[in-house]
Amino acid sequence: MTSKSRKSPAAESDQAPVANSPTQLEIRFADAQSKLAPRRRQMIRAILDRPEEIYFLSSRELGKRFNMDAATIVRTIQVLGYDRYADFAADLRRHFVARITPYTTMQAATREKQSVADRLRQNVDKDIANLHLLKTGLDTTQVIAVAKRIHRARRVVVIGIDLAASLAHFLAYGLAVQGFDAEAPVGSAGNLIHKIKVLDSKDLVIAISFGRCLRETVEAAQRARQQGVPTFGITDSDTTPLAKYCDGYVVASIASSVFTGSYVAPMAAINTIIAACAHLHPQRTLALLRDYEKEAAAGARWYVEDGGWRMEDGG
């Protein structure tokens, strides 16, 4: 592939360019600036400028960062029109999602004075933290519900674009191995539109996107729902467009200091869906896997060296 045909990192990632329209938090701040003391105004401006460093802090932690007590923090956000700190934090999270880009992600990472080795360990720590969030916050009822829906579906179309395409293909493959008619369409936006057009209430659409979400993915989910097709989303927040428009969804963080984002937690979430499908009807799954095992043992699937099969060979 030549350099002219390569996509930029922003095009390959769900972290899209910054939106031009102001966020709700920016609007509230603009309206309340004249009512805020200079020091508090400076604090809110710093929060808006660097949300990636602040959106996850409690009121007490935020106060420590700006050398203010928690009560002062609460009074400040009340001037912005928020009754509770939790409401302010939710809008800050939305502001963060709306403003994050590959550039701002890398910029935030380079502000920290660390060696390359330290940054690599930090990336792994962030992956582990994302997995922990998934484990503690996983809505198993949603996962079981979509697994049941998959078992009833005539066809399953998994939508993932750019980097999320790898997740879509993995899920579709994991479902196909279990005997489900599942696919992850590739190609142009037109191809995706035609795939959705032929679906109805007997089918299922699973859409994967994060942050502000890619337009084609969201519009495909909306189009499917308008046709009466059940929809399910894999996303990273309760406030994303997929969470808003899909019938159900599972949340898995992609937070990372790498501009591509981290897909460790979404991959784990996908594995839970595949596992739920397998364990809903284990005898059916065992029968399918038994047939695959016989075919693999009799065929030429595995690499053979010196005419013999070795126990350590694997997929």
C-alpha atoms as a PDB file:
ATOM      1  CA  MET A   1       0.000   0.000   0.000  1.00  0.00           C
ATOM      2  CA  THR A   2       1.414   3.418  -0.932  1.00  0.00           C
ATOM      3  CA  SER A   3       1.563   6.354   1.441  1.00  0.00           C
ATOM      4  CA  LYS A   4      -1.160   8.121  -0.550  1.00  0.00           C
ATOM      5  CA  SER A   5      -3.665   5.335   0.058  1.00  0.00           C
ATOM      6  CA  ARG A   6      -2.952   4.945   3.790  1.00  0.00           C
ATOM      7  CA  LYS A   7      -5.579   6.213   6.200  1.00  0.00           C
ATOM      8  CA  SER A   8      -4.593   8.561   8.981  1.00  0.00           C
ATOM      9  CA  PRO A   9      -4.757   7.253  12.565  1.00  0.00           C
ATOM     10  CA  ALA A  10      -7.954   9.263  13.091  1.00  0.00           C
ATOM     11  CA  ALA A  11      -9.608   7.486  10.169  1.00  0.00           C
ATOM     12  CA  GLU A  12      -8.576   4.058  11.443  1.00  0.00           C
ATOM     13  CA  SER A  13      -9.777   4.636  15.003  1.00  0.00           C
ATOM     14  CA  ASP A  14     -13.133   5.236  16.664  1.00  0.00           C
ATOM     15  CA  GLN A  15     -11.529   8.315  18.248  1.00  0.00           C
ATOM     16  CA  ALA A  16     -12.873  10.780  15.692  1.00  0.00           C
ATOM     17  CA  PRO A  17     -11.816  14.398  15.186  1.00  0.00           C
ATOM     18  CA  VAL A  18     -13.060  16.949  17.714  1.00  0.00           C
ATOM     19  CA  ALA A  19     -16.613  18.181  17.257  1.00  0.00           C
ATOM     20  CA  ASN A  20     -17.078  21.887  16.463  1.00  0.00           C
ATOM     21  CA  SER A  21     -20.303  22.301  18.452  1.00  0.00           C
ATOM     22  CA  PRO A  22     -19.908  23.173  22.166  1.00  0.00           C
ATOM     23  CA  THR A  23     -20.580  20.529  24.772  1.00  0.00           C
ATOM     24  CA  GLN A  24     -23.191  20.975  27.505  1.00  0.00           C
ATOM     25  CA  LEU A  25     -20.430  21.704  30.033  1.00  0.00           C
ATOM     26  CA  GLU A  26     -18.906  24.367  27.788  1.00  0.00           C
ATOM     27  CA  ILE A  27     -22.319  26.012  27.371  1.00  0.00           C
ATOM     28  CA  ARG A  28     -22.909  26.074  31.143  1.00  0.00           C
ATOM     29  CA  PHE A  29     -19.459  27.524  31.752  1.00  0.00           C
ATOM     30  CA  ALA A  30     -19.974  30.259  29.148  1.00  0.00           C
ATOM     31  CA  ASP A  31     -23.270  31.249  30.778  1.00  0.00           C
ATOM     32  CA  ALA A  32     -21.848  31.245  34.337  1.00  0.00           C
ATOM     33  CA  GLN A  33     -18.429  32.866  33.833  1.00  0.00           C
ATOM     34  CA  SER A  34     -19.507  36.253  35.163  1.00  0.00           C
ATOM     35  CA  LYS A  35     -20.777  34.593  38.382  1.00  0.00           C
ATOM     36  CA  LEU A  36     -17.509  32.770  39.110  1.00  0.00           C
ATOM     37  CA  ALA A  37     -14.557  34.149  41.055  1.00  0.00           C
ATOM     38  CA  PRO A  38     -11.330  34.283  39.005  1.00  0.00           C
ATOM     39  CA  ARG A  39      -9.774  31.276  40.752  1.00  0.00           C
ATOM     40  CA  ARG A  40     -12.867  29.110  40.236  1.00  0.00           C
ATOM     41  CA  ARG A  41     -13.168  30.283  36.634  1.00  0.00           C
ATOM     42  CA  GLN A  42      -9.551  29.284  36.072  1.00  0.00           C
ATOM     43  CA  MET A  43     -10.228  25.839  37.555  1.00  0.00           C
ATOM     44  CA  ILE A  44     -13.208  25.157  35.269  1.00  0.00           C
ATOM     45  CA  ARG A  45     -11.220  26.302  32.252  1.00  0.00           C
ATOM     46  CA  ALA A  46      -8.394  23.928  33.201  1.00  0.00           C
ATOM     47  CA  ILE A  47     -10.905  21.086  33.549  1.00  0.00           C
ATOM     48  CA  LEU A  48     -12.321  21.795  30.093  1.00  0.00           C
ATOM     49  CA  ASP A  49      -8.839  21.972  28.568  1.00  0.00           C
ATOM     50  CA  ARG A  50      -7.603  18.700  30.095  1.00  0.00           C
ATOM     51  CA  PRO A  51     -10.630  16.451  30.689  1.00  0.00           C
ATOM     52  CA  GLU A  52      -8.576  13.285  30.080  1.00  0.00           C
ATOM     53  CA  GLU A  53      -6.701  13.976  33.328  1.00  0.00           C
ATOM     54  CA  ILE A  54      -9.737  14.835  35.451  1.00  0.00           C
ATOM     55  CA  TYR A  55     -13.005  13.188  34.349  1.00  0.00           C
ATOM     56  CA  PHE A  56     -12.544  10.165  36.637  1.00  0.00           C
ATOM     57  CA  LEU A  57     -11.770  12.138  39.846  1.00  0.00           C
ATOM     58  CA  SER A  58     -14.110  12.418  42.854  1.00  0.00           C
ATOM     59  CA  SER A  59     -14.973  15.851  44.259  1.00  0.00           C
ATOM     60  CA  ARG A  60     -12.421  15.330  47.049  1.00  0.00           C
ATOM     61  CA  GLU A  61      -9.695  14.297  44.563  1.00  0.00           C
ATOM     62  CA  LEU A  62     -10.567  17.230  42.310  1.00  0.00           C
ATOM     63  CA  GLY A  63     -10.263  19.576  45.305  1.00  0.00           C
ATOM     64  CA  LYS A  64      -6.806  18.224  46.135  1.00  0.00           C
ATOM     65  CA  ARG A  65      -5.687  18.738  42.543  1.00  0.00           C
ATOM     66  CA  PHE A  66      -6.672  22.432  42.627  1.00  0.00           C
ATOM     67  CA  ASN A  67      -5.915  23.003  46.308  1.00  0.00           C
ATOM     68  CA  MET A  68      -9.576  23.521  47.219  1.00  0.00           C
ATOM     69  CA  ASP A  69     -11.821  21.767  49.717  1.00  0.00           C
ATOM     70  CA  ALA A  70     -14.648  19.528  48.493  1.00  0.00           C
ATOM     71  CA  ALA A  71     -17.290  22.016  49.656  1.00  0.00           C
ATOM     72  CA  THR A  72     -15.800  24.719  47.421  1.00  0.00           C
ATOM     73  CA  ILE A  73     -15.845  22.307  44.480  1.00  0.00           C
ATOM     74  CA  VAL A  74     -19.518  21.545  45.068  1.00  0.00           C
ATOM     75  CA  ARG A  75     -20.425  25.255  45.345  1.00  0.00           C
ATOM     76  CA  THR A  76     -18.557  25.931  42.113  1.00  0.00           C
ATOM     77  CA  ILE A  77     -20.428  23.318  40.118  1.00  0.00           C
ATOM     78  CA  GLN A  78     -23.702  24.576  41.591  1.00  0.00           C
ATOM     79  CA  VAL A  79     -22.971  27.947  39.987  1.00  0.00           C
ATOM     80  CA  LEU A  80     -22.809  26.024  36.701  1.00  0.00           C
ATOM     81  CA  GLY A  81     -26.314  24.748  37.399  1.00  0.00           C
ATOM     82  CA  TYR A  82     -25.594  21.249  38.721  1.00  0.00           C
ATOM     83  CA  ASP A  83     -27.418  20.023  41.832  1.00  0.00           C
ATOM     84  CA  ARG A  84     -25.042  17.113  42.427  1.00  0.00           C
ATOM     85  CA  TYR A  85     -21.381  16.434  41.691  1.00  0.00           C
ATOM     86  CA  ALA A  86     -22.439  13.200  39.953  1.00  0.00           C
ATOM     87  CA  ASP A  87     -24.376  15.247  37.358  1.00  0.00           C
ATOM     88  CA  PHE A  88     -21.329  17.444  36.729  1.00  0.00           C
ATOM     89  CA  ALA A  89     -19.102  14.352  36.446  1.00  0.00           C
ATOM     90  CA  ALA A  90     -21.462  12.814  33.873  1.00  0.00           C
ATOM     91  CA  ASP A  91     -21.312  15.947  31.699  1.00  0.00           C
ATOM     92  CA  LEU A  92     -17.526  16.060  32.116  1.00  0.00           C
ATOM     93  CA  ARG A  93     -17.352  12.465  30.885  1.00  0.00           C
ATOM     94  CA  ARG A  94     -19.438  13.428  27.828  1.00  0.00           C
ATOM     95  CA  HIS A  95     -17.176  16.431  27.246  1.00  0.00           C
ATOM     96  CA  PHE A  96     -14.124  14.169  27.450  1.00  0.00           C
ATOM     97  CA  VAL A  97     -15.594  11.704  24.928  1.00  0.00           C
ATOM     98  CA  ALA A  98     -16.532  14.553  22.554  1.00  0.00           C
ATOM     99  CA  ARG A  99     -13.089  16.139  22.678  1.00  0.00           C
ATOM    100  CA  ILE A 100     -10.737  13.136  22.708  1.00  0.00           C
ATOM    101  CA  THR A 101      -8.677  12.587  19.545  1.00  0.00           C
ATOM    102  CA  PRO A 102      -5.575  10.572  18.694  1.00  0.00           C
ATOM    103  CA  TYR A 103      -3.600  13.807  19.066  1.00  0.00           C
ATOM    104  CA  THR A 104      -4.953  14.718  22.512  1.00  0.00           C
ATOM    105  CA  THR A 105      -4.444  11.146  23.704  1.00  0.00           C
ATOM    106  CA  MET A 106      -0.785  11.183  22.669  1.00  0.00           C
ATOM    107  CA  GLN A 107      -0.360  14.723  23.966  1.00  0.00           C
ATOM    108  CA  ALA A 108      -1.627  13.748  27.423  1.00  0.00           C
ATOM    109  CA  ALA A 109       0.760  10.784  27.498  1.00  0.00           C
ATOM    110  CA  THR A 110       3.788  12.892  26.558  1.00  0.00           C
ATOM    111  CA  ARG A 111       3.125  15.384  29.367  1.00  0.00           C
ATOM    112  CA  GLU A 112       4.234  12.727  31.842  1.00  0.00           C
ATOM    113  CA  LYS A 113       8.004  12.496  32.263  1.00  0.00           C
ATOM    114  CA  GLN A 114       8.560   8.753  31.883  1.00  0.00           C
ATOM    115  CA  SER A 115      10.918   6.417  30.105  1.00  0.00           C
ATOM    116  CA  VAL A 116       9.670   4.340  27.180  1.00  0.00           C
ATOM    117  CA  ALA A 117       9.826   1.220  29.377  1.00  0.00           C
ATOM    118  CA  ASP A 118       7.691   2.941  32.025  1.00  0.00           C
ATOM    119  CA  ARG A 119       5.148   3.943  29.381  1.00  0.00           C
ATOM    120  CA  LEU A 120       4.902   0.348  28.166  1.00  0.00           C
ATOM    121  CA  ARG A 121       4.224  -0.885  31.705  1.00  0.00           C
ATOM    122  CA  GLN A 122       1.671   1.902  32.139  1.00  0.00           C
ATOM    123  CA  ASN A 123      -0.129   0.742  28.973  1.00  0.00           C
ATOM    124  CA  VAL A 124      -0.397  -2.781  30.365  1.00  0.00           C
ATOM    125  CA  ASP A 125      -1.619  -1.377  33.705  1.00  0.00           C
ATOM    126  CA  LYS A 126      -4.329   0.544  31.830  1.00  0.00           C
ATOM    127  CA  ASP A 127      -5.382  -2.619  29.996  1.00  0.00           C
ATOM    128  CA  ILE A 128      -5.642  -4.431  33.326  1.00  0.00           C
ATOM    129  CA  ALA A 129      -7.650  -1.542  34.789  1.00  0.00           C
ATOM    130  CA  ASN A 130     -10.050  -1.693  31.819  1.00  0.00           C
ATOM    131  CA  LEU A 131     -10.503  -5.434  32.382  1.00  0.00           C
ATOM    132  CA  HIS A 132     -11.174  -4.812  36.074  1.00  0.00           C
ATOM    133  CA  LEU A 133     -13.846  -2.248  35.183  1.00  0.00           C
ATOM    134  CA  LEU A 134     -15.455  -4.765  32.845  1.00  0.00           C
ATOM    135  CA  LYS A 135     -15.395  -7.479  35.509  1.00  0.00           C
ATOM    136  CA  THR A 136     -16.908  -5.303  38.240  1.00  0.00           C
ATOM    137  CA  GLY A 137     -19.443  -3.544  36.034  1.00  0.00           C
ATOM    138  CA  LEU A 138     -20.461  -6.309  33.624  1.00  0.00           C
ATOM    139  CA  ASP A 139     -24.225  -6.531  33.183  1.00  0.00           C
ATOM    140  CA  THR A 140     -24.533 -10.300  32.813  1.00  0.00           C
ATOM    141  CA  THR A 141     -28.289 -10.024  32.214  1.00  0.00           C
ATOM    142  CA  GLN A 142     -27.565  -8.077  29.015  1.00  0.00           C
ATOM    143  CA  VAL A 143     -24.981 -10.630  27.878  1.00  0.00           C
ATOM    144  CA  ILE A 144     -27.325 -13.555  28.529  1.00  0.00           C
ATOM    145  CA  ALA A 145     -30.172 -11.707  26.809  1.00  0.00           C
ATOM    146  CA  VAL A 146     -28.161 -11.134  23.631  1.00  0.00           C
ATOM    147  CA  ALA A 147     -26.950 -14.752  23.706  1.00  0.00           C
ATOM    148  CA  LYS A 148     -30.578 -15.914  23.790  1.00  0.00           C
ATOM    149  CA  ARG A 149     -31.349 -13.525  20.963  1.00  0.00           C
ATOM    150  CA  ILE A 150     -28.453 -14.994  18.940  1.00  0.00           C
ATOM    151  CA  HIS A 151     -29.844 -18.501  19.423  1.00  0.00           C
ATOM    152  CA  ARG A 152     -33.239 -17.364  18.094  1.00  0.00           C
ATOM    153  CA  ALA A 153     -31.876 -15.269  15.224  1.00  0.00           C
ATOM    154  CA  ARG A 154     -32.010 -16.448  11.641  1.00  0.00           C
ATOM    155  CA  ARG A 155     -28.989 -14.294  10.778  1.00  0.00           C
ATOM    156  CA  VAL A 156     -26.572 -12.220  12.835  1.00  0.00           C
ATOM    157  CA  VAL A 157     -24.834  -9.233  11.246  1.00  0.00           C
ATOM    158  CA  VAL A 158     -21.937  -7.809  13.263  1.00  0.00           C
ATOM    159  CA  ILE A 159     -20.977  -4.237  12.317  1.00  0.00           C
ATOM    160  CA  GLY A 160     -17.524  -2.883  13.066  1.00  0.00           C
ATOM    161  CA  ILE A 161     -15.673  -0.323  10.956  1.00  0.00           C
ATOM    162  CA  ASP A 162     -11.969   0.592  10.803  1.00  0.00           C
ATOM    163  CA  LEU A 163     -10.168  -0.777  13.889  1.00  0.00           C
ATOM    164  CA  ALA A 164     -13.427  -2.162  15.282  1.00  0.00           C
ATOM    165  CA  ALA A 165     -13.633  -4.414  12.206  1.00  0.00           C
ATOM    166  CA  SER A 166     -11.172  -6.767  13.905  1.00  0.00           C
ATOM    167  CA  LEU A 167     -13.583  -7.120  16.842  1.00  0.00           C
ATOM    168  CA  ALA A 168     -16.544  -7.659  14.517  1.00  0.00           C
ATOM    169  CA  HIS A 169     -14.761 -10.432  12.598  1.00  0.00           C
ATOM    170  CA  PHE A 170     -13.686 -12.157  15.802  1.00  0.00           C
ATOM    171  CA  LEU A 171     -17.251 -12.180  17.159  1.00  0.00           C
ATOM    172  CA  ALA A 172     -18.741 -13.334  13.852  1.00  0.00           C
ATOM    173  CA  TYR A 173     -16.181 -16.139  13.612  1.00  0.00           C
ATOM    174  CA  GLY A 174     -16.802 -17.224  17.218  1.00  0.00           C
ATOM    175  CA  LEU A 175     -20.526 -17.436  16.504  1.00  0.00           C
ATOM    176  CA  ALA A 176     -20.070 -19.208  13.139  1.00  0.00           C
ATOM    177  CA  VAL A 177     -18.010 -21.940  14.857  1.00  0.00           C
ATOM    178  CA  GLN A 178     -21.075 -22.588  17.024  1.00  0.00           C
ATOM    179  CA  GLY A 179     -23.263 -23.027  13.976  1.00  0.00           C
ATOM    180  CA  PHE A 180     -24.871 -19.594  13.816  1.00  0.00           C
ATOM    181  CA  ASP A 181     -25.350 -17.761  10.522  1.00  0.00           C
ATOM    182  CA  ALA A 182     -23.135 -14.811  11.483  1.00  0.00           C
ATOM    183  CA  GLU A 183     -21.093 -12.447   9.345  1.00  0.00           C
ATOM    184  CA  ALA A 184     -19.183  -9.180   9.634  1.00  0.00           C
ATOM    185  CA  PRO A 185     -19.757  -7.328   6.339  1.00  0.00           C
ATOM    186  CA  VAL A 186     -16.767  -5.688   4.686  1.00  0.00           C
ATOM    187  CA  GLY A 187     -16.486  -3.184   1.870  1.00  0.00           C
ATOM    188  CA  SER A 188     -18.216   0.097   1.189  1.00  0.00           C
ATOM    189  CA  ALA A 189     -20.944   1.871   3.120  1.00  0.00           C
ATOM    190  CA  GLY A 190     -23.281   0.860   0.288  1.00  0.00           C
ATOM    191  CA  ASN A 191     -22.553  -2.805   0.909  1.00  0.00           C
ATOM    192  CA  LEU A 192     -23.465  -2.351   4.569  1.00  0.00           C
ATOM    193  CA  ILE A 193     -26.720  -0.613   3.636  1.00  0.00           C
ATOM    194  CA  HIS A 194     -27.704  -3.490   1.336  1.00  0.00           C
ATOM    195  CA  LYS A 195     -26.915  -6.054   4.051  1.00  0.00           C
ATOM    196  CA  ILE A 196     -29.197  -4.241   6.511  1.00  0.00           C
ATOM    197  CA  LYS A 197     -32.016  -3.826   3.973  1.00  0.00           C
ATOM    198  CA  VAL A 198     -32.762  -7.551   3.788  1.00  0.00           C
ATOM    199  CA  LEU A 199     -32.987  -8.059   7.573  1.00  0.00           C
ATOM    200  CA  ASP A 200     -36.169  -8.210   9.632  1.00  0.00           C
ATOM    201  CA  SER A 201     -37.387  -9.031  13.150  1.00  0.00           C
ATOM    202  CA  LYS A 202     -36.080 -12.609  12.875  1.00  0.00           C
ATOM    203  CA  ASP A 203     -32.501 -11.360  12.559  1.00  0.00           C
ATOM    204  CA  LEU A 204     -30.062  -9.507  14.839  1.00  0.00           C
ATOM    205  CA  VAL A 205     -27.609  -6.640  14.372  1.00  0.00           C
ATOM    206  CA  ILE A 206     -24.671  -6.250  16.749  1.00  0.00           C
ATOM    207  CA  ALA A 207     -22.905  -2.882  16.353  1.00  0.00           C
ATOM    208  CA  ILE A 208     -19.451  -2.080  17.753  1.00  0.00           C
ATOM    209  CA  SER A 209     -18.148   1.461  18.159  1.00  0.00           C
ATOM    210  CA  PHE A 210     -16.779   3.716  20.894  1.00  0.00           C
ATOM    211  CA  GLY A 211     -16.574   7.313  22.061  1.00  0.00           C
ATOM    212  CA  ARG A 212     -18.594   9.546  19.754  1.00  0.00           C
ATOM    213  CA  CYS A 213     -19.096   6.423  17.583  1.00  0.00           C
ATOM    214  CA  LEU A 214     -18.545   6.222  13.858  1.00  0.00           C
ATOM    215  CA  ARG A 215     -21.417   7.610  11.811  1.00  0.00           C
ATOM    216  CA  GLU A 216     -21.822   4.602   9.496  1.00  0.00           C
ATOM    217  CA  THR A 217     -22.045   2.211  12.448  1.00  0.00           C
ATOM    218  CA  VAL A 218     -24.654   4.287  14.281  1.00  0.00           C
ATOM    219  CA  GLU A 219     -26.731   4.882  11.155  1.00  0.00           C
ATOM    220  CA  ALA A 220     -26.679   1.156  10.356  1.00  0.00           C
ATOM    221  CA  ALA A 221     -27.987   0.381  13.863  1.00  0.00           C
ATOM    222  CA  GLN A 222     -30.662   3.068  13.527  1.00  0.00           C
ATOM    223  CA  ARG A 223     -31.707   1.771  10.109  1.00  0.00           C
ATOM    224  CA  ALA A 224     -31.950  -1.783  11.429  1.00  0.00           C
ATOM    225  CA  ARG A 225     -34.062  -0.714  14.385  1.00  0.00           C
ATOM    226  CA  GLN A 226     -36.414   1.236  12.112  1.00  0.00           C
ATOM    227  CA  GLN A 227     -36.956  -2.014  10.195  1.00  0.00           C
ATOM    228  CA  GLY A 228     -37.825  -3.855  13.407  1.00  0.00           C
ATOM    229  CA  VAL A 229     -34.486  -5.674  13.616  1.00  0.00           C
ATOM    230  CA  PRO A 230     -33.299  -6.277  17.207  1.00  0.00           C
ATOM    231  CA  THR A 231     -30.031  -4.426  17.890  1.00  0.00           C
ATOM    232  CA  PHE A 232     -27.248  -4.775  20.432  1.00  0.00           C
ATOM    233  CA  GLY A 233     -24.247  -2.520  20.995  1.00  0.00           C
ATOM    234  CA  ILE A 234     -20.709  -3.024  22.247  1.00  0.00           C
ATOM    235  CA  THR A 235     -19.456   0.395  23.324  1.00  0.00           C
ATOM    236  CA  ASP A 236     -17.537   2.163  26.086  1.00  0.00           C
ATOM    237  CA  SER A 237     -20.085   4.300  27.916  1.00  0.00           C
ATOM    238  CA  ASP A 238     -23.755   4.494  28.858  1.00  0.00           C
ATOM    239  CA  THR A 239     -23.904   7.832  27.029  1.00  0.00           C
ATOM    240  CA  THR A 240     -22.610   6.892  23.554  1.00  0.00           C
ATOM    241  CA  PRO A 241     -24.920   6.942  20.501  1.00  0.00           C
ATOM    242  CA  LEU A 242     -24.919   3.114  20.368  1.00  0.00           C
ATOM    243  CA  ALA A 243     -26.022   2.939  23.999  1.00  0.00           C
ATOM    244  CA  LYS A 244     -28.789   5.396  23.121  1.00  0.00           C
ATOM    245  CA  TYR A 245     -30.103   3.727  19.972  1.00  0.00           C
ATOM    246  CA  CYS A 246     -29.558  -0.014  20.501  1.00  0.00           C
ATOM    247  CA  ASP A 247     -32.069  -2.239  22.305  1.00  0.00           C
ATOM    248  CA  GLY A 248     -29.313  -3.422  24.654  1.00  0.00           C
ATOM    249  CA  TYR A 249     -25.592  -2.946  25.080  1.00  0.00           C
ATOM    250  CA  VAL A 250     -22.492  -3.907  27.058  1.00  0.00           C
ATOM    251  CA  VAL A 251     -19.896  -1.365  28.195  1.00  0.00           C
ATOM    252  CA  ALA A 252     -16.148  -1.999  27.851  1.00  0.00           C
ATOM    253  CA  SER A 253     -13.608   0.802  28.229  1.00  0.00           C
ATOM    254  CA  ILE A 254     -11.038   1.505  25.501  1.00  0.00           C
ATOM    255  CA  ALA A 255      -9.184   4.118  27.600  1.00  0.00           C
ATOM    256  CA  SER A 256      -5.498   4.124  26.743  1.00  0.00           C
ATOM    257  CA  SER A 257      -2.456   6.346  26.383  1.00  0.00           C
ATOM    258  CA  VAL A 258      -2.084   4.891  22.881  1.00  0.00           C
ATOM    259  CA  PHE A 259      -3.898   6.774  20.103  1.00  0.00           C
ATOM    260  CA  THR A 260      -5.512   3.587  18.763  1.00  0.00           C
ATOM    261  CA  GLY A 261      -7.294   2.965  22.064  1.00  0.00           C
ATOM    262  CA  SER A 262      -7.204  -0.323  23.966  1.00  0.00           C
ATOM    263  CA  TYR A 263      -9.403  -3.182  22.705  1.00  0.00           C
ATOM    264  CA  VAL A 264      -8.486  -5.592  25.503  1.00  0.00           C
ATOM    265  CA  ALA A 265     -11.743  -5.062  27.439  1.00  0.00           C
ATOM    266  CA  PRO A 266     -14.007  -5.119  24.337  1.00  0.00           C
ATOM    267  CA  MET A 267     -12.352  -8.391  23.294  1.00  0.00           C
ATOM    268  CA  ALA A 268     -13.059  -9.804  26.765  1.00  0.00           C
ATOM    269  CA  ALA A 269     -16.668  -8.622  26.488  1.00  0.00           C
ATOM    270  CA  ILE A 270     -16.974 -10.402  23.144  1.00  0.00           C
ATOM    271  CA  ASN A 271     -15.574 -13.545  24.728  1.00  0.00           C
ATOM    272  CA  THR A 272     -18.343 -13.382  27.357  1.00  0.00           C
ATOM    273  CA  ILE A 273     -20.951 -13.275  24.585  1.00  0.00           C
ATOM    274  CA  ILE A 274     -19.376 -16.246  22.818  1.00  0.00           C
ATOM    275  CA  ALA A 275     -19.190 -18.139  26.123  1.00  0.00           C
ATOM    276  CA  ALA A 276     -22.808 -17.306  26.973  1.00  0.00           C
ATOM    277  CA  CYS A 277     -23.945 -18.672  23.609  1.00  0.00           C
ATOM    278  CA  ALA A 278     -21.962 -21.867  24.192  1.00  0.00           C
ATOM    279  CA  HIS A 279     -23.205 -22.491  27.729  1.00  0.00           C
ATOM    280  CA  LEU A 280     -26.872 -21.733  27.116  1.00  0.00           C
ATOM    281  CA  HIS A 281     -27.140 -25.067  25.266  1.00  0.00           C
ATOM    282  CA  PRO A 282     -23.898 -26.937  26.106  1.00  0.00           C
ATOM    283  CA  GLN A 283     -24.929 -30.251  24.560  1.00  0.00           C
ATOM    284  CA  ARG A 284     -25.555 -28.559  21.218  1.00  0.00           C
ATOM    285  CA  THR A 285     -22.160 -26.864  21.428  1.00  0.00           C
ATOM    286  CA  LEU A 286     -20.404 -30.103  22.375  1.00  0.00           C
ATOM    287  CA  ALA A 287     -21.963 -31.913  19.425  1.00  0.00           C
ATOM    288  CA  LEU A 288     -20.716 -29.248  17.008  1.00  0.00           C
ATOM    289  CA  LEU A 289     -17.234 -29.166  18.514  1.00  0.00           C
ATOM    290  CA  ARG A 290     -17.051 -32.970  18.453  1.00  0.00           C
ATOM    291  CA  ASP A 291     -17.657 -32.918  14.705  1.00  0.00           C
ATOM    292  CA  TYR A 292     -15.020 -30.188  14.226  1.00  0.00           C
ATOM    293  CA  GLU A 293     -12.540 -32.212  16.260  1.00  0.00           C
ATOM    294  CA  LYS A 294     -13.067 -35.289  14.090  1.00  0.00           C
ATOM    295  CA  GLU A 295     -12.615 -33.248  10.918  1.00  0.00           C
ATOM    296  CA  ALA A 296      -9.457 -31.605  12.264  1.00  0.00           C
ATOM    297  CA  ALA A 297      -7.946 -34.940  13.314  1.00  0.00           C
ATOM    298  CA  ALA A 298      -8.647 -36.482   9.904  1.00  0.00           C
ATOM    299  CA  GLY A 299      -7.658 -33.505   7.777  1.00  0.00           C
ATOM    300  CA  ALA A 300      -4.579 -31.389   7.055  1.00  0.00           C
ATOM    301  CA  ARG A 301      -5.408 -28.396   9.234  1.00  0.00           C
ATOM    302  CA  TRP A 302      -2.262 -28.465  11.401  1.00  0.00           C
ATOM    303  CA  TYR A 303       1.331 -28.024  10.376  1.00  0.00           C
ATOM    304  CA  VAL A 304       3.263 -31.301  10.356  1.00  0.00           C
ATOM    305  CA  GLU A 305       7.055 -31.507  10.513  1.00  0.00           C
ATOM    306  CA  ASP A 306       9.024 -34.648   9.587  1.00  0.00           C
ATOM    307  CA  GLY A 307       5.804 -36.543   8.898  1.00  0.00           C
ATOM    308  CA  GLY A 308       4.579 -36.435  12.487  1.00  0.00           C
ATOM    309  CA  TRP A 309       2.078 -34.469  14.542  1.00  0.00           C
ATOM    310  CA  ARG A 310       3.373 -32.836  17.690  1.00  0.00           C
ATOM    311  CA  MET A 311       1.340 -32.361  20.863  1.00  0.00           C
ATOM    312  CA  GLU A 312       2.413 -28.715  21.186  1.00  0.00           C
ATOM    313  CA  ASP A 313       0.901 -27.785  17.834  1.00  0.00           C
ATOM    314  CA  GLY A 314      -2.077 -25.474  18.180  1.00  0.00           C
ATOM    315  CA  GLY A 315      -4.191 -22.878  16.440  1.00  0.00           C
END
